[in-house]
Structures are given as structure tokens and as C-alpha cells.
């Protein structure tokens, strides 16, 4: 899926460059997770909070 989004026609092309983005991808995923978690806490119904 990522290769298609990047316009790659061969999986080898995506694999060649995938390792270069591993750290930044993990960092971005962590930020998204934190953001989603924060939104869930903010938007949770009062009865669901401890």
C-alpha cells in the first residue's frame, strides 16, 4: 500500500527505502497515538471516567 501511494511499481523499490524512514515513522506513529489518546480522554462521556 505504501509503495502504491509513493508511486512505486515494484516492491523492491519500496523495500530499498523503507529502512531510511523507520525512526521517523515510529516517532510519527507515537505522536498520532498520543493525539488520539488525548482526544479520547477529552471527548469521553463523564460516566466513562473513573
C-alpha atoms as a PDB file:
ATOM      1  CA  UNK A   1       0.000   0.000   0.000  1.00  0.00           C
ATOM      2  CA  UNK A   2       2.781   2.427   0.914  1.00  0.00           C
ATOM      3  CA  UNK A   3       4.596   1.688  -2.343  1.00  0.00           C
ATOM      4  CA  UNK A   4       1.472   2.409  -4.346  1.00  0.00           C
ATOM      5  CA  UNK A   5       0.942   5.678  -2.514  1.00  0.00           C
ATOM      6  CA  UNK A   6       4.541   6.626  -3.300  1.00  0.00           C
ATOM      7  CA  UNK A   7       4.136   5.689  -6.943  1.00  0.00           C
ATOM      8  CA  UNK A   8       6.439   2.674  -6.831  1.00  0.00           C
ATOM      9  CA  UNK A   9       5.693  -0.061  -9.350  1.00  0.00           C
ATOM     10  CA  UNK A  10       7.974  -2.641  -7.710  1.00  0.00           C
ATOM     11  CA  UNK A  11       8.004  -3.724  -4.062  1.00  0.00           C
ATOM     12  CA  UNK A  12      11.810  -3.806  -4.189  1.00  0.00           C
ATOM     13  CA  UNK A  13      11.843  -0.035  -4.640  1.00  0.00           C
ATOM     14  CA  UNK A  14       9.752   0.475  -1.511  1.00  0.00           C
ATOM     15  CA  UNK A  15      11.871  -2.023   0.443  1.00  0.00           C
ATOM     16  CA  UNK A  16      15.061  -0.246  -0.610  1.00  0.00           C
ATOM     17  CA  UNK A  17      13.981   2.994   1.050  1.00  0.00           C
ATOM     18  CA  UNK A  18      11.787   1.719   3.898  1.00  0.00           C
ATOM     19  CA  UNK A  19      14.640   1.375   6.395  1.00  0.00           C
ATOM     20  CA  UNK A  20      15.559   5.045   5.951  1.00  0.00           C
ATOM     21  CA  UNK A  21      12.259   6.204   7.441  1.00  0.00           C
ATOM     22  CA  UNK A  22      11.909   3.680  10.267  1.00  0.00           C
ATOM     23  CA  UNK A  23      12.829   6.041  13.144  1.00  0.00           C
ATOM     24  CA  UNK A  24      10.820   8.965  11.834  1.00  0.00           C
ATOM     25  CA  UNK A  25       7.868   6.650  11.166  1.00  0.00           C
ATOM     26  CA  UNK A  26       7.955   5.342  14.740  1.00  0.00           C
ATOM     27  CA  UNK A  27       8.148   8.895  16.044  1.00  0.00           C
ATOM     28  CA  UNK A  28       5.196   9.975  13.918  1.00  0.00           C
ATOM     29  CA  UNK A  29       3.179   6.916  14.994  1.00  0.00           C
ATOM     30  CA  UNK A  30       3.863   7.747  18.640  1.00  0.00           C
ATOM     31  CA  UNK A  31       2.651  11.331  18.135  1.00  0.00           C
ATOM     32  CA  UNK A  32      -0.518  10.122  16.416  1.00  0.00           C
ATOM     33  CA  UNK A  33      -1.151   7.626  19.214  1.00  0.00           C
ATOM     34  CA  UNK A  34      -0.733  10.327  21.843  1.00  0.00           C
ATOM     35  CA  UNK A  35      -3.052  12.641  19.932  1.00  0.00           C
ATOM     36  CA  UNK A  36      -5.757  10.003  19.543  1.00  0.00           C
ATOM     37  CA  UNK A  37      -5.450   9.033  23.205  1.00  0.00           C
ATOM     38  CA  UNK A  38      -5.727  12.658  24.261  1.00  0.00           C
ATOM     39  CA  UNK A  39      -8.805  13.151  22.103  1.00  0.00           C
ATOM     40  CA  UNK A  40     -10.444  10.064  23.565  1.00  0.00           C
ATOM     41  CA  UNK A  41      -9.858  11.314  27.105  1.00  0.00           C
ATOM     42  CA  UNK A  42     -11.169  14.795  26.268  1.00  0.00           C
ATOM     43  CA  UNK A  43     -14.237  13.535  24.406  1.00  0.00           C
ATOM     44  CA  UNK A  44     -15.113  10.636  26.713  1.00  0.00           C
ATOM     45  CA  UNK A  45     -18.537  10.791  28.370  1.00  0.00           C
ATOM     46  CA  UNK A  46     -18.499  11.784  32.029  1.00  0.00           C
ATOM     47  CA  UNK A  47     -19.858   8.373  33.089  1.00  0.00           C
ATOM     48  CA  UNK A  48     -16.878   6.615  31.496  1.00  0.00           C
ATOM     49  CA  UNK A  49     -14.293   8.489  33.557  1.00  0.00           C
ATOM     50  CA  UNK A  50     -13.038   6.899  36.810  1.00  0.00           C
END
